[in-house]
Amino acid sequence: MKGNPLYILLWLFLILCFACSPGKKEKKYVIGVSQCSMTDIWRQSMIRDMEVEALNHPEIELVVMDASQDNDTQISQIKGFIKKKVDLLIISSNETEPVTPVAVEAYRAGIPTIILDRKINSDEYTTYIGADNYEIGPLDRNVHQLLDQGGDNDFRDMGTERLFLRYRKTSRFCRCDVY
């Protein structure tokens, strides 16, 4: 039976079948990025770095959405990521208050949620990546004192909720006026 051509052909056929059959399909991980805006050069650079890194990992699909500084657009995009059940969601919110409920919704849906740059008004997220603005304030004051040498430390800004971010940086050493 060892030299039987039919037996050898059967073994060759089985080997070819298993060798040519599709292997186990590798899971594709989808990372959704909800970016408040792409006008800042550092945000563009950050996304470019994410895209380059994702190219090194064929198992990762990076989906980036730009809300163009519109809260309603960003909320809609995040809801789309929740519906799609992405494996990871990165949110750089346009404004804190309007985006908080949908960010919490994503977290409660079991999606690991990274809050980037601006915190939300909740502790319901996986991790936060950003600056400690209360620590930056005194450091900024020292720089201003060196540059200004005794000038007026008033800070004036025109804006909406975004002023809060600047206020946290400056509240320890100056008066802030909103117009």
Foldseek 3Di string as FASTA:
>chain_A
DVPDPVVVVVVVVVVCCVVPDDDDDQAAAEEEEQAAADPDPVNVVVVVVVVVVVVVPVSYDYHYDYQHLDLVSSLVSLVVCLVVVGQAYEYAHSAAASCQVSQLVSLVSVHQYEYEADDHPDPRHNYYDHDPLLVQQVVVVVVCCVVVVDDAPEDEDEDDRVVVSVCSNHVVPHDYDYD
